[in-house]
Amino acid sequence: MFRLRFLPLMFLPLAAGGCETLGLSDGPVMVVETISPCPSTAVLSDAVTVTKVKPGTPSGMAANPQNVVLTAEMSRAQLECDYDREANTLSVDISFAVRATRGAGAAGAAEPALDYFVAIVDIDNNVLVKKQFQSRPALGNRQTGVFQENVESFAIPLMEGKRPYDYEILTGFQLTPDELAYNRIPKPVPLRRP
């Protein structure tokens, strides 16, 4: 009795296989792997933050919190790409968030402008295009705010035989020599307390 109940199940694979031999199935399915039409993206490590100080602050005094008007940090960019394979052209919409915080020296100071850049580098890290932009955070009465920056229709010159994945988009704040030197000062890392 036990064998008879499972006897029809033994013939199920044969019946299913018969459909294919009779031409009743759709046939093999082709799987196409698509590659993203967008280049990779990163924020340049030395330019991910900027510290704006009061005008006239001597070099080396940016570490004094009383001189800091504003600090800002940039997130990694999100990309939307329009790749024309036939013409081998690429247009990219770039957006990223910036978190800005007023410092102790902000009292009575105007909101400083934040200069940032978008650069295109090839596989050998040669800068092919670099454009600078400017924004001014509108914090209003808030101490801290997050705002979105957008760069639309940024054209990337694709060399013959190259594809979007052969390039990288770098973003960061356009820093003065003093701001860059301040960013390179090792900062203490707060210890976690148990």
N, C-alpha and C. Protein backbone atom coordinates (compact mmCIF):
# COMPACT_ATOMS: atom_id res chain seq x y z
N MET A 1 0.82 -1.19 0.00
CA MET A 1 0.00 0.00 0.00
C MET A 1 0.87 1.26 0.00
N PHE A 2 1.94 1.22 0.80
CA PHE A 2 2.84 2.37 0.89
C PHE A 2 3.45 2.69 -0.48
N ARG A 3 3.82 1.69 -1.25
CA ARG A 3 4.45 1.89 -2.55
C ARG A 3 3.47 2.45 -3.58
N LEU A 4 2.22 2.09 -3.50
CA LEU A 4 1.25 2.53 -4.50
C LEU A 4 0.92 4.02 -4.39
N ARG A 5 0.97 4.58 -3.19
CA ARG A 5 0.66 6.00 -3.04
C ARG A 5 1.72 6.88 -3.70
N PHE A 6 2.94 6.46 -3.72
CA PHE A 6 4.02 7.27 -4.28
C PHE A 6 4.34 6.92 -5.73
N LEU A 7 3.68 5.91 -6.26
CA LEU A 7 3.91 5.51 -7.64
C LEU A 7 3.62 6.62 -8.64
N PRO A 8 2.51 7.38 -8.53
CA PRO A 8 2.27 8.48 -9.48
C PRO A 8 3.34 9.57 -9.39
N LEU A 9 3.91 9.79 -8.21
CA LEU A 9 4.94 10.82 -8.06
C LEU A 9 6.22 10.45 -8.81
N MET A 10 6.45 9.16 -9.00
CA MET A 10 7.65 8.74 -9.72
C MET A 10 7.59 9.13 -11.19
N PHE A 11 6.37 9.20 -11.75
CA PHE A 11 6.22 9.52 -13.16
C PHE A 11 6.10 11.02 -13.44
N LEU A 12 6.01 11.85 -12.39
CA LEU A 12 5.88 13.30 -12.56
C LEU A 12 7.06 13.91 -13.32
N PRO A 13 8.32 13.58 -13.01
CA PRO A 13 9.42 14.15 -13.79
C PRO A 13 9.37 13.77 -15.26
N LEU A 14 8.92 12.57 -15.55
CA LEU A 14 8.82 12.15 -16.96
C LEU A 14 7.75 12.95 -17.69
N ALA A 15 6.63 13.20 -17.01
CA ALA A 15 5.56 13.97 -17.64
C ALA A 15 6.00 15.42 -17.87
N ALA A 16 6.68 16.00 -16.89
CA ALA A 16 7.14 17.38 -17.03
C ALA A 16 8.19 17.49 -18.13
N GLY A 17 9.07 16.53 -18.23
CA GLY A 17 10.09 16.53 -19.28
C GLY A 17 9.48 16.34 -20.65
N GLY A 18 8.36 15.65 -20.73
CA GLY A 18 7.70 15.42 -22.00
C GLY A 18 7.17 16.69 -22.62
N CYS A 19 6.78 17.67 -21.79
CA CYS A 19 6.28 18.95 -22.31
C CYS A 19 7.34 19.63 -23.16
N GLU A 20 8.58 19.54 -22.71
CA GLU A 20 9.65 20.22 -23.44
C GLU A 20 9.92 19.52 -24.77
N THR A 21 9.85 18.20 -24.78
CA THR A 21 10.12 17.49 -26.03
C THR A 21 8.99 17.66 -27.02
N LEU A 22 7.78 17.96 -26.53
CA LEU A 22 6.66 18.18 -27.43
C LEU A 22 6.57 19.62 -27.92
N GLY A 23 7.48 20.47 -27.43
CA GLY A 23 7.47 21.87 -27.84
C GLY A 23 6.45 22.72 -27.09
N LEU A 24 6.01 22.25 -25.92
CA LEU A 24 5.02 23.00 -25.16
C LEU A 24 5.64 24.03 -24.21
N SER A 25 6.95 24.00 -24.00
CA SER A 25 7.59 24.99 -23.12
C SER A 25 8.11 26.15 -23.96
N ASP A 26 8.47 27.23 -23.29
CA ASP A 26 8.96 28.43 -23.98
C ASP A 26 10.40 28.29 -24.46
N GLY A 27 11.10 27.28 -24.03
CA GLY A 27 12.49 27.11 -24.43
C GLY A 27 13.42 27.77 -23.43
N PRO A 28 14.70 27.79 -23.74
CA PRO A 28 15.66 28.36 -22.79
C PRO A 28 15.46 29.87 -22.63
N VAL A 29 15.73 30.31 -21.43
CA VAL A 29 15.61 31.73 -21.12
C VAL A 29 17.00 32.33 -21.14
N MET A 30 17.17 33.44 -21.85
CA MET A 30 18.46 34.11 -21.92
C MET A 30 18.52 35.15 -20.81
N VAL A 31 19.56 35.07 -19.99
CA VAL A 31 19.76 36.03 -18.92
C VAL A 31 20.82 37.02 -19.39
N VAL A 32 20.47 38.29 -19.40
CA VAL A 32 21.39 39.33 -19.83
C VAL A 32 21.82 40.12 -18.60
N GLU A 33 23.12 40.17 -18.37
CA GLU A 33 23.65 40.93 -17.24
C GLU A 33 23.89 42.36 -17.70
N THR A 34 23.28 43.30 -16.99
CA THR A 34 23.45 44.70 -17.37
C THR A 34 24.49 45.35 -16.46
N ILE A 35 25.27 46.22 -17.02
CA ILE A 35 26.27 46.97 -16.28
C ILE A 35 25.73 48.37 -16.09
N SER A 36 25.91 48.90 -14.89
CA SER A 36 25.40 50.23 -14.60
C SER A 36 25.99 51.25 -15.56
N PRO A 37 25.16 52.16 -16.08
CA PRO A 37 25.68 53.19 -16.97
C PRO A 37 26.36 54.32 -16.21
N CYS A 38 26.46 54.20 -14.90
CA CYS A 38 27.06 55.27 -14.09
C CYS A 38 28.49 54.92 -13.69
N PRO A 39 29.35 55.92 -13.64
CA PRO A 39 30.68 55.70 -13.10
C PRO A 39 30.59 55.49 -11.59
N SER A 40 31.68 55.05 -10.99
CA SER A 40 31.71 54.98 -9.53
C SER A 40 31.84 56.41 -9.00
N THR A 41 31.58 56.58 -7.71
CA THR A 41 31.64 57.91 -7.12
C THR A 41 32.24 57.85 -5.73
N ALA A 42 32.90 58.91 -5.33
CA ALA A 42 33.51 58.99 -4.00
C ALA A 42 33.67 60.46 -3.62
N VAL A 43 33.79 60.69 -2.31
CA VAL A 43 34.13 62.03 -1.81
C VAL A 43 35.62 61.99 -1.50
N LEU A 44 36.36 62.96 -1.99
CA LEU A 44 37.79 63.04 -1.72
C LEU A 44 38.00 63.16 -0.22
N SER A 45 38.80 62.28 0.37
CA SER A 45 38.91 62.20 1.84
C SER A 45 39.38 63.50 2.49
N ASP A 46 40.30 64.22 1.88
CA ASP A 46 40.76 65.48 2.47
C ASP A 46 39.74 66.59 2.34
N ALA A 47 38.74 66.40 1.48
CA ALA A 47 37.78 67.48 1.19
C ALA A 47 36.35 67.13 1.58
N VAL A 48 36.17 66.13 2.45
CA VAL A 48 34.82 65.73 2.86
C VAL A 48 34.24 66.72 3.87
N THR A 49 35.09 67.46 4.58
CA THR A 49 34.63 68.46 5.54
C THR A 49 35.31 69.80 5.26
N VAL A 50 34.69 70.85 5.75
CA VAL A 50 35.28 72.18 5.69
C VAL A 50 34.94 72.91 6.99
N THR A 51 35.91 73.68 7.48
CA THR A 51 35.71 74.50 8.67
C THR A 51 35.94 75.94 8.27
N LYS A 52 34.89 76.74 8.35
CA LYS A 52 34.98 78.16 8.01
C LYS A 52 35.20 78.95 9.30
N VAL A 53 36.20 79.84 9.27
CA VAL A 53 36.53 80.64 10.45
C VAL A 53 36.22 82.12 10.20
N LYS A 54 36.24 82.89 11.27
CA LYS A 54 35.99 84.33 11.17
C LYS A 54 37.01 84.96 10.22
N PRO A 55 36.58 85.91 9.41
CA PRO A 55 37.54 86.61 8.55
C PRO A 55 38.64 87.25 9.40
N GLY A 56 39.86 87.17 8.93
CA GLY A 56 40.99 87.77 9.64
C GLY A 56 41.62 86.85 10.68
N THR A 57 41.11 85.63 10.83
CA THR A 57 41.70 84.69 11.78
C THR A 57 43.06 84.26 11.27
N PRO A 58 44.12 84.39 12.09
CA PRO A 58 45.46 84.01 11.63
C PRO A 58 45.55 82.51 11.35
N SER A 59 46.46 82.14 10.45
CA SER A 59 46.69 80.72 10.15
C SER A 59 47.02 79.98 11.44
N GLY A 60 46.52 78.79 11.55
CA GLY A 60 46.80 77.98 12.72
C GLY A 60 45.83 78.21 13.87
N MET A 61 44.96 79.21 13.76
CA MET A 61 44.02 79.51 14.84
C MET A 61 42.64 78.90 14.60
N ALA A 62 42.48 78.13 13.53
CA ALA A 62 41.18 77.53 13.23
C ALA A 62 40.79 76.50 14.28
N ALA A 63 41.78 75.93 14.98
CA ALA A 63 41.47 74.92 15.99
C ALA A 63 40.77 75.53 17.21
N ASN A 64 40.85 76.84 17.38
CA ASN A 64 40.17 77.50 18.50
C ASN A 64 38.68 77.57 18.18
N PRO A 65 37.83 76.90 18.97
CA PRO A 65 36.39 76.88 18.68
C PRO A 65 35.76 78.26 18.61
N GLN A 66 36.32 79.26 19.27
CA GLN A 66 35.76 80.61 19.25
C GLN A 66 35.90 81.27 17.87
N ASN A 67 36.78 80.73 17.03
CA ASN A 67 36.99 81.28 15.69
C ASN A 67 36.13 80.61 14.62
N VAL A 68 35.50 79.48 14.96
CA VAL A 68 34.75 78.69 13.97
C VAL A 68 33.37 79.29 13.75
N VAL A 69 33.10 79.65 12.50
CA VAL A 69 31.80 80.20 12.11
C VAL A 69 30.87 79.07 11.67
N LEU A 70 31.40 78.12 10.91
CA LEU A 70 30.57 77.05 10.35
C LEU A 70 31.44 75.84 10.02
N THR A 71 30.91 74.66 10.26
CA THR A 71 31.53 73.43 9.77
C THR A 71 30.51 72.74 8.88
N ALA A 72 31.01 72.03 7.89
CA ALA A 72 30.11 71.31 6.97
C ALA A 72 30.75 69.99 6.58
N GLU A 73 29.89 69.01 6.34
CA GLU A 73 30.33 67.68 5.92
C GLU A 73 29.47 67.24 4.74
N MET A 74 30.11 66.63 3.77
CA MET A 74 29.45 66.22 2.53
C MET A 74 29.25 64.71 2.51
N SER A 75 28.09 64.26 2.01
CA SER A 75 27.84 62.83 1.85
C SER A 75 28.30 62.38 0.46
N ARG A 76 28.36 61.08 0.28
CA ARG A 76 28.70 60.51 -1.02
C ARG A 76 27.57 60.82 -2.01
N ALA A 77 27.93 61.14 -3.23
CA ALA A 77 26.95 61.55 -4.24
C ALA A 77 26.11 60.37 -4.74
N GLN A 78 24.88 60.68 -5.06
CA GLN A 78 23.98 59.75 -5.74
C GLN A 78 23.93 60.20 -7.21
N LEU A 79 23.94 59.24 -8.12
CA LEU A 79 24.01 59.57 -9.54
C LEU A 79 22.81 59.01 -10.30
N GLU A 80 22.36 59.79 -11.27
CA GLU A 80 21.40 59.32 -12.27
C GLU A 80 22.04 59.60 -13.62
N CYS A 81 22.20 58.54 -14.43
CA CYS A 81 22.98 58.66 -15.65
C CYS A 81 22.15 58.41 -16.89
N ASP A 82 22.46 59.17 -17.93
CA ASP A 82 21.84 58.99 -19.24
C ASP A 82 22.98 58.69 -20.22
N TYR A 83 23.12 57.41 -20.56
CA TYR A 83 24.21 56.96 -21.41
C TYR A 83 23.69 56.65 -22.81
N ASP A 84 24.23 57.34 -23.80
CA ASP A 84 23.89 57.07 -25.20
C ASP A 84 24.99 56.18 -25.76
N ARG A 85 24.70 54.89 -25.86
CA ARG A 85 25.70 53.91 -26.28
C ARG A 85 26.19 54.17 -27.71
N GLU A 86 25.30 54.56 -28.60
CA GLU A 86 25.69 54.79 -30.00
C GLU A 86 26.62 55.99 -30.14
N ALA A 87 26.30 57.09 -29.46
CA ALA A 87 27.14 58.29 -29.54
C ALA A 87 28.28 58.25 -28.53
N ASN A 88 28.23 57.27 -27.60
CA ASN A 88 29.21 57.13 -26.51
C ASN A 88 29.34 58.43 -25.71
N THR A 89 28.17 58.96 -25.30
CA THR A 89 28.14 60.17 -24.47
C THR A 89 27.42 59.85 -23.16
N LEU A 90 27.76 60.59 -22.12
CA LEU A 90 27.18 60.37 -20.81
C LEU A 90 26.84 61.70 -20.17
N SER A 91 25.61 61.82 -19.69
CA SER A 91 25.16 62.99 -18.95
C SER A 91 24.72 62.50 -17.57
N VAL A 92 25.18 63.17 -16.52
CA VAL A 92 24.93 62.70 -15.16
C VAL A 92 24.27 63.80 -14.33
N ASP A 93 23.23 63.41 -13.59
CA ASP A 93 22.64 64.27 -12.56
C ASP A 93 23.24 63.81 -11.23
N ILE A 94 23.84 64.75 -10.51
CA ILE A 94 24.57 64.45 -9.28
C ILE A 94 23.87 65.13 -8.12
N SER A 95 23.65 64.40 -7.03
CA SER A 95 23.07 65.01 -5.83
C SER A 95 23.76 64.44 -4.59
N PHE A 96 23.93 65.30 -3.60
CA PHE A 96 24.53 64.87 -2.34
C PHE A 96 24.02 65.77 -1.23
N ALA A 97 24.09 65.27 -0.02
CA ALA A 97 23.65 66.03 1.15
C ALA A 97 24.84 66.72 1.80
N VAL A 98 24.57 67.88 2.38
CA VAL A 98 25.57 68.62 3.14
C VAL A 98 24.97 68.92 4.51
N ARG A 99 25.70 68.55 5.55
CA ARG A 99 25.27 68.85 6.92
C ARG A 99 26.12 70.02 7.40
N ALA A 100 25.47 71.13 7.71
CA ALA A 100 26.18 72.35 8.14
C ALA A 100 25.81 72.64 9.60
N THR A 101 26.82 73.06 10.38
CA THR A 101 26.62 73.38 11.79
C THR A 101 27.31 74.70 12.11
N ARG A 102 26.57 75.57 12.78
CA ARG A 102 27.17 76.84 13.21
C ARG A 102 28.17 76.59 14.34
N GLY A 103 29.24 77.37 14.31
CA GLY A 103 30.24 77.27 15.36
C GLY A 103 30.07 78.39 16.38
N ALA A 104 30.94 78.37 17.40
CA ALA A 104 30.87 79.36 18.47
C ALA A 104 31.15 80.77 17.96
N GLY A 105 31.88 80.91 16.87
CA GLY A 105 32.20 82.22 16.32
C GLY A 105 31.17 82.75 15.34
N ALA A 106 30.00 82.10 15.26
CA ALA A 106 28.99 82.49 14.28
C ALA A 106 28.19 83.72 14.68
N ALA A 107 28.22 84.10 15.94
CA ALA A 107 27.42 85.24 16.40
C ALA A 107 27.78 86.50 15.62
N GLY A 108 26.79 87.05 14.94
CA GLY A 108 26.99 88.28 14.18
C GLY A 108 27.66 88.10 12.83
N ALA A 109 28.10 86.90 12.52
CA ALA A 109 28.78 86.66 11.23
C ALA A 109 27.77 86.22 10.18
N ALA A 110 28.01 86.62 8.95
CA ALA A 110 27.15 86.19 7.84
C ALA A 110 27.42 84.72 7.54
N GLU A 111 26.41 84.04 6.99
CA GLU A 111 26.61 82.63 6.60
C GLU A 111 27.66 82.60 5.49
N PRO A 112 28.75 81.88 5.69
CA PRO A 112 29.78 81.84 4.65
C PRO A 112 29.35 80.97 3.47
N ALA A 113 29.89 81.26 2.32
CA ALA A 113 29.64 80.45 1.13
C ALA A 113 30.45 79.16 1.24
N LEU A 114 29.88 78.09 0.72
CA LEU A 114 30.58 76.81 0.65
C LEU A 114 30.89 76.52 -0.81
N ASP A 115 32.16 76.46 -1.13
CA ASP A 115 32.59 76.13 -2.48
C ASP A 115 32.84 74.63 -2.55
N TYR A 116 32.33 73.99 -3.59
CA TYR A 116 32.57 72.56 -3.77
C TYR A 116 32.88 72.29 -5.23
N PHE A 117 33.40 71.09 -5.49
CA PHE A 117 33.76 70.73 -6.86
C PHE A 117 33.21 69.37 -7.23
N VAL A 118 33.10 69.16 -8.53
CA VAL A 118 32.81 67.85 -9.12
C VAL A 118 33.92 67.62 -10.14
N ALA A 119 34.60 66.49 -10.02
CA ALA A 119 35.70 66.18 -10.93
C ALA A 119 35.51 64.79 -11.52
N ILE A 120 35.99 64.63 -12.74
CA ILE A 120 35.96 63.34 -13.43
C ILE A 120 37.40 62.88 -13.58
N VAL A 121 37.69 61.65 -13.13
CA VAL A 121 39.02 61.09 -13.30
C VAL A 121 38.91 59.79 -14.09
N ASP A 122 39.98 59.49 -14.84
CA ASP A 122 39.98 58.24 -15.59
C ASP A 122 40.59 57.13 -14.73
N ILE A 123 40.78 55.98 -15.34
CA ILE A 123 41.27 54.81 -14.61
C ILE A 123 42.69 55.02 -14.06
N ASP A 124 43.44 55.96 -14.64
CA ASP A 124 44.80 56.28 -14.18
C ASP A 124 44.81 57.47 -13.22
N ASN A 125 43.64 57.91 -12.76
CA ASN A 125 43.47 59.06 -11.86
C ASN A 125 43.88 60.39 -12.47
N ASN A 126 43.83 60.50 -13.79
CA ASN A 126 44.04 61.79 -14.45
C ASN A 126 42.75 62.58 -14.37
N VAL A 127 42.83 63.83 -13.94
CA VAL A 127 41.64 64.68 -13.87
C VAL A 127 41.30 65.15 -15.29
N LEU A 128 40.12 64.75 -15.77
CA LEU A 128 39.69 65.12 -17.12
C LEU A 128 38.86 66.39 -17.12
N VAL A 129 38.01 66.54 -16.11
CA VAL A 129 37.14 67.70 -15.98
C VAL A 129 37.01 68.01 -14.49
N LYS A 130 37.06 69.29 -14.15
CA LYS A 130 36.79 69.72 -12.78
C LYS A 130 36.04 71.03 -12.86
N LYS A 131 34.87 71.06 -12.22
CA LYS A 131 34.07 72.28 -12.19
C LYS A 131 33.77 72.63 -10.75
N GLN A 132 33.80 73.94 -10.46
CA GLN A 132 33.52 74.42 -9.11
C GLN A 132 32.14 75.05 -9.06
N PHE A 133 31.50 74.89 -7.90
CA PHE A 133 30.17 75.43 -7.65
C PHE A 133 30.18 76.09 -6.28
N GLN A 134 29.16 76.89 -6.01
CA GLN A 134 29.07 77.56 -4.72
C GLN A 134 27.64 77.48 -4.20
N SER A 135 27.53 77.30 -2.90
CA SER A 135 26.21 77.32 -2.26
C SER A 135 26.35 78.05 -0.93
N ARG A 136 25.24 78.45 -0.40
CA ARG A 136 25.22 79.14 0.89
C ARG A 136 24.14 78.46 1.73
N PRO A 137 24.54 77.80 2.83
CA PRO A 137 23.53 77.12 3.64
C PRO A 137 22.56 78.12 4.27
N ALA A 138 21.29 77.81 4.19
CA ALA A 138 20.25 78.67 4.80
C ALA A 138 19.81 78.00 6.09
N LEU A 139 20.54 78.28 7.17
CA LEU A 139 20.23 77.65 8.44
C LEU A 139 19.10 78.36 9.19
N GLY A 140 18.84 79.61 8.84
CA GLY A 140 17.79 80.35 9.57
C GLY A 140 18.14 80.44 11.04
N ASN A 141 17.22 80.05 11.90
CA ASN A 141 17.46 80.09 13.35
C ASN A 141 18.03 78.78 13.89
N ARG A 142 18.26 77.82 13.03
CA ARG A 142 18.74 76.51 13.48
C ARG A 142 20.26 76.51 13.67
N GLN A 143 20.71 75.68 14.58
CA GLN A 143 22.14 75.50 14.82
C GLN A 143 22.74 74.59 13.74
N THR A 144 21.97 73.56 13.36
CA THR A 144 22.43 72.57 12.38
C THR A 144 21.34 72.35 11.34
N GLY A 145 21.75 72.11 10.12
CA GLY A 145 20.79 71.80 9.06
C GLY A 145 21.42 70.92 8.00
N VAL A 146 20.57 70.16 7.33
CA VAL A 146 21.02 69.32 6.22
C VAL A 146 20.32 69.82 4.97
N PHE A 147 21.07 70.05 3.93
CA PHE A 147 20.48 70.50 2.68
C PHE A 147 21.06 69.71 1.52
N GLN A 148 20.34 69.69 0.43
CA GLN A 148 20.69 68.90 -0.75
C GLN A 148 21.30 69.80 -1.81
N GLU A 149 22.40 69.36 -2.38
CA GLU A 149 23.02 70.04 -3.52
C GLU A 149 22.79 69.19 -4.76
N ASN A 150 22.49 69.84 -5.87
CA ASN A 150 22.23 69.14 -7.13
C ASN A 150 23.02 69.78 -8.26
N VAL A 151 23.64 68.95 -9.06
CA VAL A 151 24.31 69.38 -10.28
C VAL A 151 23.66 68.57 -11.40
N GLU A 152 23.00 69.26 -12.31
CA GLU A 152 22.25 68.57 -13.35
C GLU A 152 22.99 68.58 -14.69
N SER A 153 22.81 67.51 -15.42
CA SER A 153 23.33 67.36 -16.79
C SER A 153 24.84 67.61 -16.88
N PHE A 154 25.59 67.01 -15.96
CA PHE A 154 27.04 67.12 -15.98
C PHE A 154 27.56 66.19 -17.07
N ALA A 155 28.18 66.76 -18.10
CA ALA A 155 28.65 65.98 -19.25
C ALA A 155 30.01 65.36 -18.96
N ILE A 156 30.12 64.08 -19.26
CA ILE A 156 31.39 63.37 -19.09
C ILE A 156 31.93 63.01 -20.48
N PRO A 157 33.13 63.49 -20.80
CA PRO A 157 33.71 63.19 -22.11
C PRO A 157 34.26 61.76 -22.13
N LEU A 158 33.58 60.86 -22.82
CA LEU A 158 34.03 59.47 -22.90
C LEU A 158 34.99 59.32 -24.08
N MET A 159 36.17 58.80 -23.79
CA MET A 159 37.16 58.57 -24.83
C MET A 159 36.73 57.39 -25.70
N GLU A 160 37.26 57.32 -26.90
CA GLU A 160 36.93 56.21 -27.80
C GLU A 160 37.31 54.88 -27.16
N GLY A 161 36.40 53.94 -27.19
CA GLY A 161 36.64 52.62 -26.62
C GLY A 161 36.44 52.53 -25.12
N LYS A 162 36.06 53.63 -24.47
CA LYS A 162 35.85 53.65 -23.02
C LYS A 162 34.35 53.67 -22.74
N ARG A 163 33.98 53.17 -21.57
CA ARG A 163 32.60 53.14 -21.12
C ARG A 163 32.50 53.87 -19.78
N PRO A 164 31.30 54.17 -19.32
CA PRO A 164 31.15 54.93 -18.07
C PRO A 164 31.88 54.31 -16.88
N TYR A 165 31.93 52.99 -16.79
CA TYR A 165 32.59 52.36 -15.64
C TYR A 165 34.11 52.52 -15.67
N ASP A 166 34.66 53.10 -16.73
CA ASP A 166 36.10 53.38 -16.80
C ASP A 166 36.46 54.71 -16.13
N TYR A 167 35.48 55.39 -15.55
CA TYR A 167 35.68 56.71 -14.96
C TYR A 167 35.18 56.73 -13.52
N GLU A 168 35.55 57.78 -12.79
CA GLU A 168 35.06 57.98 -11.43
C GLU A 168 34.71 59.45 -11.25
N ILE A 169 33.63 59.70 -10.53
CA ILE A 169 33.23 61.07 -10.20
C ILE A 169 33.64 61.33 -8.76
N LEU A 170 34.46 62.36 -8.57
CA LEU A 170 34.90 62.77 -7.23
C LEU A 170 34.24 64.08 -6.87
N THR A 171 33.78 64.18 -5.64
CA THR A 171 33.22 65.43 -5.13
C THR A 171 33.98 65.81 -3.86
N GLY A 172 33.85 67.06 -3.47
CA GLY A 172 34.47 67.52 -2.23
C GLY A 172 34.34 69.03 -2.13
N PHE A 173 34.69 69.55 -0.97
CA PHE A 173 34.70 71.00 -0.79
C PHE A 173 35.98 71.55 -1.40
N GLN A 174 35.86 72.70 -2.05
CA GLN A 174 37.03 73.39 -2.60
C GLN A 174 37.64 74.16 -1.44
N LEU A 175 38.80 73.73 -0.98
CA LEU A 175 39.40 74.27 0.24
C LEU A 175 40.51 75.26 -0.06
N THR A 176 40.67 76.22 0.84
CA THR A 176 41.83 77.10 0.80
C THR A 176 43.02 76.31 1.36
N PRO A 177 44.26 76.77 1.15
CA PRO A 177 45.40 76.05 1.74
C PRO A 177 45.29 75.90 3.26
N ASP A 178 44.79 76.94 3.97
CA ASP A 178 44.63 76.84 5.43
C ASP A 178 43.56 75.81 5.81
N GLU A 179 42.46 75.76 5.05
CA GLU A 179 41.40 74.78 5.34
C GLU A 179 41.90 73.36 5.10
N LEU A 180 42.67 73.17 4.04
CA LEU A 180 43.23 71.85 3.76
C LEU A 180 44.21 71.44 4.87
N ALA A 181 45.07 72.36 5.30
CA ALA A 181 46.01 72.06 6.38
C ALA A 181 45.26 71.69 7.66
N TYR A 182 44.16 72.40 7.96
CA TYR A 182 43.37 72.09 9.15
C TYR A 182 42.75 70.69 9.04
N ASN A 183 42.25 70.33 7.86
CA ASN A 183 41.66 69.00 7.67
C ASN A 183 42.68 67.89 7.85
N ARG A 184 43.94 68.18 7.61
CA ARG A 184 44.98 67.15 7.71
C ARG A 184 45.55 67.01 9.12
N ILE A 185 45.13 67.86 10.04
CA ILE A 185 45.56 67.73 11.44
C ILE A 185 44.83 66.53 12.04
N PRO A 186 45.57 65.58 12.63
CA PRO A 186 44.88 64.43 13.25
C PRO A 186 43.96 64.91 14.38
N LYS A 187 42.73 64.43 14.35
CA LYS A 187 41.74 64.81 15.36
C LYS A 187 41.59 63.66 16.35
N PRO A 188 41.40 63.98 17.64
CA PRO A 188 41.19 62.90 18.61
C PRO A 188 39.85 62.21 18.36
N VAL A 189 39.85 60.91 18.55
CA VAL A 189 38.63 60.13 18.39
C VAL A 189 38.04 59.91 19.78
N PRO A 190 36.77 60.28 19.99
CA PRO A 190 36.18 60.08 21.31
C PRO A 190 36.11 58.59 21.65
N LEU A 191 36.45 58.28 22.89
CA LEU A 191 36.40 56.89 23.35
C LEU A 191 34.98 56.54 23.75
N ARG A 192 34.61 55.31 23.44
CA ARG A 192 33.30 54.82 23.85
C ARG A 192 33.35 54.42 25.31
N ARG A 193 32.37 54.82 26.02
CA ARG A 193 32.29 54.41 27.43
C ARG A 193 31.30 53.27 27.55
N PRO A 194 31.67 52.24 28.31
CA PRO A 194 30.76 51.09 28.47
C PRO A 194 29.51 51.43 29.24
